[in-house]
Amino acid sequence: MSRKALENLVHAVDKALIKPLINPRYLIADLSSALEHIVKGAFGKIVIEIN
């Protein structure tokens, strides 16, 4: 993909207000469950919270 094509893609995503899909959130203490979720075929992003 050329730089110009990537710039066009970013512009289109910004213009369409596309937001990433956040699947579940997991605490760092529950990391094993988060990894299991990924292995099972998670769709979207997995968030690991570190507090």
PDB file of N, CA and C in Angstrom:
ATOM      1  N   MET A   1       0.860  -1.172   0.000  1.00  0.00           N
ATOM      2  CA  MET A   1       0.000   0.000   0.000  1.00  0.00           C
ATOM      3  C   MET A   1       0.901   1.228   0.000  1.00  0.00           C
ATOM      4  N   SER A   2       0.605   2.154  -0.870  1.00  0.00           N
ATOM      5  CA  SER A   2       1.399   3.372  -0.949  1.00  0.00           C
ATOM      6  C   SER A   2       1.038   4.328   0.195  1.00  0.00           C
ATOM      7  N   ARG A   3       1.911   5.259   0.427  1.00  0.00           N
ATOM      8  CA  ARG A   3       1.653   6.260   1.476  1.00  0.00           C
ATOM      9  C   ARG A   3       0.370   7.023   1.184  1.00  0.00           C
ATOM     10  N   LYS A   4       0.170   7.407  -0.094  1.00  0.00           N
ATOM     11  CA  LYS A   4      -1.030   8.166  -0.466  1.00  0.00           C
ATOM     12  C   LYS A   4      -2.290   7.336  -0.235  1.00  0.00           C
ATOM     13  N   ALA A   5      -2.245   6.046  -0.569  1.00  0.00           N
ATOM     14  CA  ALA A   5      -3.399   5.176  -0.350  1.00  0.00           C
ATOM     15  C   ALA A   5      -3.707   5.066   1.139  1.00  0.00           C
ATOM     16  N   LEU A   6      -2.672   4.960   1.960  1.00  0.00           N
ATOM     17  CA  LEU A   6      -2.869   4.894   3.409  1.00  0.00           C
ATOM     18  C   LEU A   6      -3.453   6.197   3.942  1.00  0.00           C
ATOM     19  N   GLU A   7      -2.968   7.325   3.452  1.00  0.00           N
ATOM     20  CA  GLU A   7      -3.517   8.620   3.854  1.00  0.00           C
ATOM     21  C   GLU A   7      -4.999   8.721   3.469  1.00  0.00           C
ATOM     22  N   ASN A   8      -5.330   8.250   2.275  1.00  0.00           N
ATOM     23  CA  ASN A   8      -6.727   8.262   1.835  1.00  0.00           C
ATOM     24  C   ASN A   8      -7.595   7.370   2.730  1.00  0.00           C
ATOM     25  N   LEU A   9      -7.067   6.210   3.104  1.00  0.00           N
ATOM     26  CA  LEU A   9      -7.799   5.300   3.984  1.00  0.00           C
ATOM     27  C   LEU A   9      -8.049   5.947   5.343  1.00  0.00           C
ATOM     28  N   VAL A  10      -7.019   6.555   5.921  1.00  0.00           N
ATOM     29  CA  VAL A  10      -7.156   7.219   7.224  1.00  0.00           C
ATOM     30  C   VAL A  10      -8.186   8.337   7.131  1.00  0.00           C
ATOM     31  N   HIS A  11      -8.140   9.108   6.068  1.00  0.00           N
ATOM     32  CA  HIS A  11      -9.102  10.187   5.880  1.00  0.00           C
ATOM     33  C   HIS A  11     -10.531   9.635   5.793  1.00  0.00           C
ATOM     34  N   ALA A  12     -10.717   8.557   5.051  1.00  0.00           N
ATOM     35  CA  ALA A  12     -12.049   7.964   4.902  1.00  0.00           C
ATOM     36  C   ALA A  12     -12.575   7.438   6.234  1.00  0.00           C
ATOM     37  N   VAL A  13     -11.710   6.796   7.006  1.00  0.00           N
ATOM     38  CA  VAL A  13     -12.115   6.275   8.313  1.00  0.00           C
ATOM     39  C   VAL A  13     -12.487   7.432   9.240  1.00  0.00           C
ATOM     40  N   ASP A  14     -11.690   8.484   9.246  1.00  0.00           N
ATOM     41  CA  ASP A  14     -11.993   9.656  10.071  1.00  0.00           C
ATOM     42  C   ASP A  14     -13.323  10.292   9.662  1.00  0.00           C
ATOM     43  N   LYS A  15     -13.532  10.422   8.371  1.00  0.00           N
ATOM     44  CA  LYS A  15     -14.742  11.062   7.864  1.00  0.00           C
ATOM     45  C   LYS A  15     -15.989  10.239   8.194  1.00  0.00           C
ATOM     46  N   ALA A  16     -15.866   8.921   8.156  1.00  0.00           N
ATOM     47  CA  ALA A  16     -17.005   8.035   8.427  1.00  0.00           C
ATOM     48  C   ALA A  16     -17.228   7.811   9.916  1.00  0.00           C
ATOM     49  N   LEU A  17     -16.341   8.372  10.738  1.00  0.00           N
ATOM     50  CA  LEU A  17     -16.426   8.237  12.200  1.00  0.00           C
ATOM     51  C   LEU A  17     -16.429   6.773  12.633  1.00  0.00           C
ATOM     52  N   ILE A  18     -15.630   5.955  11.955  1.00  0.00           N
ATOM     53  CA  ILE A  18     -15.517   4.540  12.301  1.00  0.00           C
ATOM     54  C   ILE A  18     -14.709   4.423  13.588  1.00  0.00           C
ATOM     55  N   LYS A  19     -15.233   3.673  14.526  1.00  0.00           N
ATOM     56  CA  LYS A  19     -14.567   3.461  15.815  1.00  0.00           C
ATOM     57  C   LYS A  19     -14.219   1.991  15.957  1.00  0.00           C
ATOM     58  N   PRO A  20     -13.120   1.671  16.640  1.00  0.00           N
ATOM     59  CA  PRO A  20     -12.766   0.269  16.822  1.00  0.00           C
ATOM     60  C   PRO A  20     -13.768  -0.436  17.725  1.00  0.00           C
ATOM     61  N   LEU A  21     -13.990  -1.701  17.439  1.00  0.00           N
ATOM     62  CA  LEU A  21     -14.867  -2.513  18.272  1.00  0.00           C
ATOM     63  C   LEU A  21     -14.055  -3.015  19.453  1.00  0.00           C
ATOM     64  N   ILE A  22     -14.478  -2.633  20.639  1.00  0.00           N
ATOM     65  CA  ILE A  22     -13.828  -3.114  21.853  1.00  0.00           C
ATOM     66  C   ILE A  22     -14.659  -4.274  22.365  1.00  0.00           C
ATOM     67  N   ASN A  23     -14.070  -5.451  22.338  1.00  0.00           N
ATOM     68  CA  ASN A  23     -14.746  -6.629  22.844  1.00  0.00           C
ATOM     69  C   ASN A  23     -14.726  -6.524  24.366  1.00  0.00           C
ATOM     70  N   PRO A  24     -14.578  -7.557  25.104  1.00  0.00           N
ATOM     71  CA  PRO A  24     -14.593  -7.390  26.570  1.00  0.00           C
ATOM     72  C   PRO A  24     -13.318  -6.752  27.101  1.00  0.00           C
ATOM     73  N   ARG A  25     -13.425  -6.282  28.311  1.00  0.00           N
ATOM     74  CA  ARG A  25     -12.276  -5.750  29.044  1.00  0.00           C
ATOM     75  C   ARG A  25     -11.930  -6.750  30.137  1.00  0.00           C
ATOM     76  N   TYR A  26     -10.649  -6.935  30.361  1.00  0.00           N
ATOM     77  CA  TYR A  26     -10.179  -7.856  31.391  1.00  0.00           C
ATOM     78  C   TYR A  26      -9.198  -7.134  32.292  1.00  0.00           C
ATOM     79  N   LEU A  27      -9.232  -7.457  33.557  1.00  0.00           N
ATOM     80  CA  LEU A  27      -8.215  -6.981  34.490  1.00  0.00           C
ATOM     81  C   LEU A  27      -6.969  -7.820  34.277  1.00  0.00           C
ATOM     82  N   ILE A  28      -5.810  -7.261  34.554  1.00  0.00           N
ATOM     83  CA  ILE A  28      -4.552  -7.984  34.375  1.00  0.00           C
ATOM     84  C   ILE A  28      -4.556  -9.282  35.191  1.00  0.00           C
ATOM     85  N   ALA A  29      -5.250  -9.281  36.319  1.00  0.00           N
ATOM     86  CA  ALA A  29      -5.329 -10.486  37.151  1.00  0.00           C
ATOM     87  C   ALA A  29      -6.080 -11.612  36.443  1.00  0.00           C
ATOM     88  N   ASP A  30      -6.878 -11.264  35.434  1.00  0.00           N
ATOM     89  CA  ASP A  30      -7.662 -12.248  34.699  1.00  0.00           C
ATOM     90  C   ASP A  30      -7.110 -12.434  33.276  1.00  0.00           C
ATOM     91  N   LEU A  31      -5.800 -12.268  33.141  1.00  0.00           N
ATOM     92  CA  LEU A  31      -5.158 -12.362  31.837  1.00  0.00           C
ATOM     93  C   LEU A  31      -5.389 -13.712  31.171  1.00  0.00           C
ATOM     94  N   SER A  32      -5.403 -14.774  31.938  1.00  0.00           N
ATOM     95  CA  SER A  32      -5.601 -16.105  31.349  1.00  0.00           C
ATOM     96  C   SER A  32      -6.956 -16.201  30.647  1.00  0.00           C
ATOM     97  N   SER A  33      -7.990 -15.593  31.198  1.00  0.00           N
ATOM     98  CA  SER A  33      -9.303 -15.582  30.547  1.00  0.00           C
ATOM     99  C   SER A  33      -9.277 -14.771  29.260  1.00  0.00           C
ATOM    100  N   ALA A  34      -8.545 -13.672  29.270  1.00  0.00           N
ATOM    101  CA  ALA A  34      -8.428 -12.841  28.069  1.00  0.00           C
ATOM    102  C   ALA A  34      -7.731 -13.613  26.954  1.00  0.00           C
ATOM    103  N   LEU A  35      -6.660 -14.304  27.290  1.00  0.00           N
ATOM    104  CA  LEU A  35      -5.937 -15.090  26.290  1.00  0.00           C
ATOM    105  C   LEU A  35      -6.799 -16.232  25.768  1.00  0.00           C
ATOM    106  N   GLU A  36      -7.561 -16.850  26.636  1.00  0.00           N
ATOM    107  CA  GLU A  36      -8.476 -17.924  26.223  1.00  0.00           C
ATOM    108  C   GLU A  36      -9.526 -17.373  25.248  1.00  0.00           C
ATOM    109  N   HIS A  37     -10.008 -16.177  25.527  1.00  0.00           N
ATOM    110  CA  HIS A  37     -10.988 -15.525  24.655  1.00  0.00           C
ATOM    111  C   HIS A  37     -10.402 -15.299  23.256  1.00  0.00           C
ATOM    112  N   ILE A  38      -9.148 -14.885  23.198  1.00  0.00           N
ATOM    113  CA  ILE A  38      -8.476 -14.662  21.915  1.00  0.00           C
ATOM    114  C   ILE A  38      -8.336 -15.971  21.154  1.00  0.00           C
ATOM    115  N   VAL A  39      -7.916 -17.016  21.841  1.00  0.00           N
ATOM    116  CA  VAL A  39      -7.719 -18.321  21.206  1.00  0.00           C
ATOM    117  C   VAL A  39      -9.028 -18.848  20.621  1.00  0.00           C
ATOM    118  N   LYS A  40     -10.138 -18.542  21.268  1.00  0.00           N
ATOM    119  CA  LYS A  40     -11.442 -19.014  20.790  1.00  0.00           C
ATOM    120  C   LYS A  40     -11.945 -18.227  19.584  1.00  0.00           C
ATOM    121  N   GLY A  41     -11.205 -17.198  19.158  1.00  0.00           N
ATOM    122  CA  GLY A  41     -11.587 -16.456  17.965  1.00  0.00           C
ATOM    123  C   GLY A  41     -12.280 -15.144  18.259  1.00  0.00           C
ATOM    124  N   ALA A  42     -11.699 -14.357  19.110  1.00  0.00           N
ATOM    125  CA  ALA A  42     -12.281 -13.062  19.463  1.00  0.00           C
ATOM    126  C   ALA A  42     -12.415 -12.180  18.229  1.00  0.00           C
ATOM    127  N   PHE A  43     -13.481 -11.403  18.183  1.00  0.00           N
ATOM    128  CA  PHE A  43     -13.681 -10.416  17.133  1.00  0.00           C
ATOM    129  C   PHE A  43     -13.603  -9.044  17.781  1.00  0.00           C
ATOM    130  N   GLY A  44     -12.751  -8.205  17.265  1.00  0.00           N
ATOM    131  CA  GLY A  44     -12.573  -6.893  17.857  1.00  0.00           C
ATOM    132  C   GLY A  44     -11.327  -6.863  18.723  1.00  0.00           C
ATOM    133  N   LYS A  45     -11.193  -5.814  19.460  1.00  0.00           N
ATOM    134  CA  LYS A  45     -10.009  -5.626  20.296  1.00  0.00           C
ATOM    135  C   LYS A  45     -10.292  -6.100  21.712  1.00  0.00           C
ATOM    136  N   ILE A  46      -9.294  -6.657  22.350  1.00  0.00           N
ATOM    137  CA  ILE A  46      -9.373  -7.075  23.741  1.00  0.00           C
ATOM    138  C   ILE A  46      -8.599  -6.042  24.562  1.00  0.00           C
ATOM    139  N   VAL A  47      -9.194  -5.572  25.631  1.00  0.00           N
ATOM    140  CA  VAL A  47      -8.548  -4.576  26.486  1.00  0.00           C
ATOM    141  C   VAL A  47      -8.123  -5.236  27.787  1.00  0.00           C
ATOM    142  N   ILE A  48      -6.852  -5.046  28.136  1.00  0.00           N
ATOM    143  CA  ILE A  48      -6.324  -5.530  29.414  1.00  0.00           C
ATOM    144  C   ILE A  48      -6.081  -4.290  30.277  1.00  0.00           C
ATOM    145  N   GLU A  49      -6.800  -4.216  31.373  1.00  0.00           N
ATOM    146  CA  GLU A  49      -6.679  -3.062  32.266  1.00  0.00           C
ATOM    147  C   GLU A  49      -5.598  -3.315  33.315  1.00  0.00           C
ATOM    148  N   ILE A  50      -4.683  -2.380  33.409  1.00  0.00           N
ATOM    149  CA  ILE A  50      -3.602  -2.466  34.402  1.00  0.00           C
ATOM    150  C   ILE A  50      -3.790  -1.302  35.357  1.00  0.00           C
ATOM    151  N   ASN A  51      -4.156  -1.601  36.571  1.00  0.00           N
ATOM    152  CA  ASN A  51      -4.378  -0.550  37.570  1.00  0.00           C
ATOM    153  C   ASN A  51      -3.412  -0.686  38.699  1.00  0.00           C
TER     154      ASN A  51
END
